[in-house]
Protein backbone atom coordinates (compact mmCIF):
# COMPACT_ATOMS: atom_id res chain seq x y z
CA MET A 1 27.96 -34.10 1.03
CA THR A 2 27.09 -32.19 4.20
CA LEU A 3 28.92 -28.91 4.71
CA ALA A 4 31.53 -29.08 7.48
CA VAL A 5 33.22 -26.49 9.66
CA GLY A 6 35.43 -24.33 7.48
CA ASP A 7 33.46 -24.97 4.26
CA ARG A 8 32.29 -22.03 2.20
CA VAL A 9 28.52 -21.65 2.10
CA PRO A 10 26.96 -21.04 -1.30
CA ARG A 11 24.93 -17.85 -1.55
CA VAL A 12 21.35 -18.94 -0.93
CA VAL A 13 18.40 -16.56 -0.72
CA ALA A 14 15.06 -17.80 0.58
CA SER A 15 11.90 -16.33 2.10
CA ASP A 16 11.30 -16.23 5.82
CA THR A 17 7.82 -16.88 7.20
CA SER A 18 6.97 -13.20 6.70
CA GLY A 19 7.73 -13.56 3.00
CA GLU A 20 10.87 -11.41 3.29
CA PRO A 21 14.00 -12.54 1.47
CA VAL A 22 16.91 -13.55 3.66
CA VAL A 23 20.47 -14.39 2.60
CA LEU A 24 21.46 -17.64 4.30
CA ASP A 25 25.23 -17.62 3.84
CA GLY A 26 25.98 -15.47 6.88
CA SER A 27 27.42 -12.68 4.74
CA GLU A 28 24.98 -10.09 6.09
CA GLU A 29 24.83 -11.32 9.69
CA PRO A 30 25.82 -14.49 11.57
CA LEU A 31 23.03 -17.08 11.37
CA VAL A 32 22.10 -20.30 13.09
CA LEU A 33 20.19 -22.52 10.66
CA VAL A 34 18.28 -25.43 12.18
CA PHE A 35 17.07 -27.84 9.51
CA VAL A 36 14.08 -29.98 10.52
CA PRO A 37 12.29 -32.67 8.50
CA TYR A 38 8.64 -31.81 9.13
CA ALA A 39 6.65 -29.08 10.85
CA PHE A 40 4.30 -30.34 13.55
CA SER A 41 6.08 -33.71 13.88
CA PRO A 42 6.82 -34.85 17.46
CA VAL A 43 10.65 -34.72 17.50
CA CYS A 44 10.80 -31.49 15.48
CA THR A 45 8.33 -29.87 17.86
CA VAL A 46 10.40 -30.95 20.88
CA GLU A 47 13.48 -29.41 19.26
CA VAL A 48 11.74 -26.15 18.38
CA HIS A 49 10.39 -25.78 21.90
CA ALA A 50 13.86 -26.47 23.37
CA LEU A 51 15.27 -23.66 21.25
CA ARG A 52 12.89 -21.21 22.99
CA GLU A 53 15.05 -21.42 26.10
CA LEU A 54 18.08 -20.32 24.09
CA ALA A 55 16.45 -17.57 22.00
CA GLY A 56 17.52 -14.71 24.28
CA ASP A 57 21.09 -15.96 24.45
CA VAL A 58 21.18 -16.34 20.66
CA VAL A 59 20.15 -12.70 20.24
CA GLN A 60 22.59 -11.49 22.93
CA ALA A 61 25.38 -13.33 21.10
CA GLY A 62 24.56 -11.35 17.96
CA LEU A 63 23.14 -14.33 16.08
CA ARG A 64 19.88 -14.77 14.20
CA LEU A 65 18.18 -18.16 14.33
CA PHE A 66 16.07 -19.69 11.57
CA VAL A 67 14.28 -23.02 11.53
CA VAL A 68 14.44 -24.37 7.96
CA SER A 69 11.92 -26.89 6.65
CA CYS A 70 10.78 -28.11 3.23
CA ASP A 71 7.18 -27.57 4.35
CA PRO A 72 5.04 -24.97 2.52
CA LEU A 73 5.32 -21.44 3.88
CA PRO A 74 1.80 -21.31 5.43
CA ALA A 75 2.38 -24.54 7.38
CA LEU A 76 5.78 -23.40 8.66
CA ARG A 77 4.38 -19.97 9.60
CA ALA A 78 1.52 -21.58 11.57
CA TRP A 79 3.91 -23.96 13.34
CA LEU A 80 6.34 -21.21 14.38
CA GLU A 81 3.90 -18.35 15.01
CA HIS A 82 4.46 -18.35 18.78
CA GLU A 83 8.21 -18.90 18.67
CA PRO A 84 10.80 -16.16 19.34
CA TYR A 85 12.60 -16.81 16.03
CA ASP A 86 11.66 -17.17 12.40
CA GLY A 87 11.56 -19.92 9.85
CA VAL A 88 12.53 -20.42 6.24
CA SER A 89 10.34 -22.44 3.93
CA ASP A 90 12.48 -24.55 1.62
CA PHE A 91 9.40 -25.74 -0.26
CA TRP A 92 10.18 -24.32 -3.71
CA PRO A 93 12.40 -24.99 -5.41
CA HIS A 94 11.86 -27.99 -3.19
CA GLY A 95 14.81 -28.60 -0.87
CA ALA A 96 17.17 -26.11 -2.56
CA VAL A 97 18.49 -24.73 0.74
CA ALA A 98 18.83 -28.18 2.32
CA ARG A 99 20.66 -29.38 -0.82
CA ALA A 100 23.06 -26.43 -0.62
CA PHE A 101 23.97 -27.50 2.92
CA GLY A 102 24.06 -31.20 2.03
CA VAL A 103 21.19 -32.20 4.32
CA PHE A 104 18.40 -32.97 1.85
CA ASP A 105 17.05 -36.52 1.97
CA GLU A 106 15.99 -37.29 -1.62
CA ASP A 107 14.02 -40.40 -0.62
CA ARG A 108 11.90 -38.60 1.99
CA GLY A 109 11.75 -35.22 0.25
CA ALA A 110 12.70 -33.49 3.50
CA ALA A 111 15.69 -32.07 5.29
CA ARG A 112 17.80 -34.23 7.59
CA ARG A 113 18.46 -32.92 11.09
CA GLY A 114 21.42 -30.58 10.78
CA SER A 115 22.24 -27.26 12.40
CA PHE A 116 24.84 -24.78 11.22
CA LEU A 117 26.33 -21.52 12.47
CA VAL A 118 27.30 -19.54 9.38
CA ALA A 119 29.20 -16.26 9.37
CA ASP A 120 31.08 -14.41 6.65
CA GLY A 121 30.11 -17.08 4.12
CA GLU A 122 31.59 -19.96 6.09
CA VAL A 123 30.37 -22.77 8.34
CA ARG A 124 31.69 -22.04 11.85
CA TRP A 125 29.90 -24.86 13.75
CA SER A 126 27.55 -27.71 13.01
CA VAL A 127 25.73 -30.56 14.69
CA ARG A 128 23.60 -33.33 13.22
CA SER A 129 21.47 -36.12 14.59
CA ASP A 130 19.94 -39.30 13.27
CA PRO A 131 16.32 -39.49 12.12
CA GLY A 132 14.00 -39.56 15.11
CA SER A 133 16.66 -38.18 17.49
CA ALA A 134 16.67 -34.59 18.71
CA ARG A 135 19.87 -32.60 18.65
CA PRO A 136 21.16 -31.96 22.17
CA THR A 137 20.36 -28.53 23.57
CA ALA A 138 23.79 -28.59 25.24
CA ALA A 139 25.39 -28.49 21.77
CA TYR A 140 23.63 -25.20 21.06
CA ARG A 141 24.63 -23.82 24.46
CA ALA A 142 28.29 -24.67 23.78
CA MET A 143 28.07 -23.07 20.33
CA ILE A 144 26.60 -19.85 21.75
CA ASP A 145 29.24 -19.68 24.50
CA GLY A 146 32.02 -20.38 21.98
CA TRP A 147 30.71 -17.72 19.60
CA ARG A 148 30.55 -15.13 22.40
CA GLY A 149 34.12 -15.98 23.34
CA SER A 150 35.39 -15.72 19.78
CA THR A 151 33.74 -12.36 19.13
CA SER A 152 34.69 -10.71 22.42
CA SER A 153 38.44 -11.05 21.89
């Protein structure tokens, strides 16, 4: 079952593309987790490039963005090396992070397209899309604007 807004996020620790551990439950800092099925695939690449335009706004909003994929760490690092955000390899134990968020596709062995804003151990926002369909950039823009508004009060 996919985590929904208001759900508690299990404590998950994974390695970013630098090999550094990162806690993915938003307890240390608010995070935007963007699950993608496969590095270097056409739709995933379109989505990752679209996120470039939002990277500065994500940082200004006090958020940290990670692209999460079940690809091996070296492949994910190569795919994201010129992007202004980091990635998390969910390769081993295979799909553990995607499973924790309820977006692991057992038949394909990859994450489904789901994005989550997590803060203080809770899902604050999410958006999903069907296989082969990119998530709308406007959804991220609305999330960033909403987060800014909720933290400036």
